[in-house]
Amino acid sequence: MYTTINQEGLLNNYALETPVYYAEYPNLTQQRRYALQGAFAILLVNFLVLIAFAVS
């Protein structure tokens, strides 16, 4: 941990910086899984909105 002390004697602690890396483009299997998760999320939200309208 990197620590500095200013003129008033106060400590400033800085976290270690993690190395930067580039994200990889998802392969076809991951893309299909993301699309399926998105479809389920849309269905869930629509179902909850319809339930809210039905109850009110």
Protein backbone atom coordinates (compact mmCIF):
# COMPACT_ATOMS: atom_id res chain seq x y z
CA MET A 1 0.00 0.00 0.00
CA TYR A 2 1.26 3.42 -0.98
CA THR A 3 1.10 5.94 1.87
CA THR A 4 1.92 9.64 1.88
CA ILE A 5 2.02 12.12 4.73
CA ASN A 6 1.00 15.71 4.06
CA GLN A 7 2.33 18.82 5.85
CA GLU A 8 -0.24 18.51 8.65
CA GLY A 9 0.81 14.95 9.44
CA LEU A 10 -2.30 13.32 7.98
CA LEU A 11 -1.90 9.99 6.23
CA ASN A 12 -3.27 9.33 2.75
CA ASN A 13 -3.49 5.65 1.84
CA TYR A 14 -3.78 4.65 -1.79
CA ALA A 15 -4.83 1.21 -2.97
CA LEU A 16 -2.61 -0.75 -5.31
CA GLU A 17 -3.59 -0.32 -8.94
CA THR A 18 -4.55 -3.49 -10.76
CA PRO A 19 -3.06 -4.16 -14.17
CA VAL A 20 -5.14 -3.07 -17.16
CA TYR A 21 -6.24 -5.71 -19.66
CA TYR A 22 -8.45 -5.67 -22.73
CA ALA A 23 -11.72 -7.58 -22.74
CA GLU A 24 -12.13 -10.36 -25.25
CA TYR A 25 -15.10 -10.46 -27.60
CA PRO A 26 -17.55 -13.18 -26.47
CA ASN A 27 -17.63 -16.35 -28.53
CA LEU A 28 -20.79 -17.70 -30.16
CA THR A 29 -21.84 -19.79 -27.15
CA GLN A 30 -21.53 -16.82 -24.80
CA GLN A 31 -23.46 -14.59 -27.23
CA ARG A 32 -26.33 -17.09 -27.34
CA ARG A 33 -26.34 -17.32 -23.55
CA TYR A 34 -26.48 -13.52 -23.24
CA ALA A 35 -29.37 -13.38 -25.73
CA LEU A 36 -31.26 -16.06 -23.80
CA GLN A 37 -30.71 -14.25 -20.50
CA GLY A 38 -31.93 -11.01 -22.07
CA ALA A 39 -35.07 -12.73 -23.38
CA PHE A 40 -35.83 -14.19 -19.95
CA ALA A 41 -35.24 -10.80 -18.33
CA ILE A 42 -37.66 -9.10 -20.74
CA LEU A 43 -40.30 -11.78 -20.10
CA LEU A 44 -39.87 -11.45 -16.34
CA VAL A 45 -40.19 -7.66 -16.36
CA ASN A 46 -43.24 -7.79 -18.64
CA PHE A 47 -44.85 -10.39 -16.39
CA LEU A 48 -44.23 -8.28 -13.29
CA VAL A 49 -45.65 -5.15 -14.96
CA LEU A 50 -48.76 -7.05 -16.03
CA ILE A 51 -49.20 -8.40 -12.48
CA ALA A 52 -48.86 -4.85 -11.11
CA PHE A 53 -51.53 -3.57 -13.52
CA ALA A 54 -53.82 -6.48 -12.67
CA VAL A 55 -53.52 -5.89 -8.92
CA SER A 56 -54.06 -2.14 -9.06
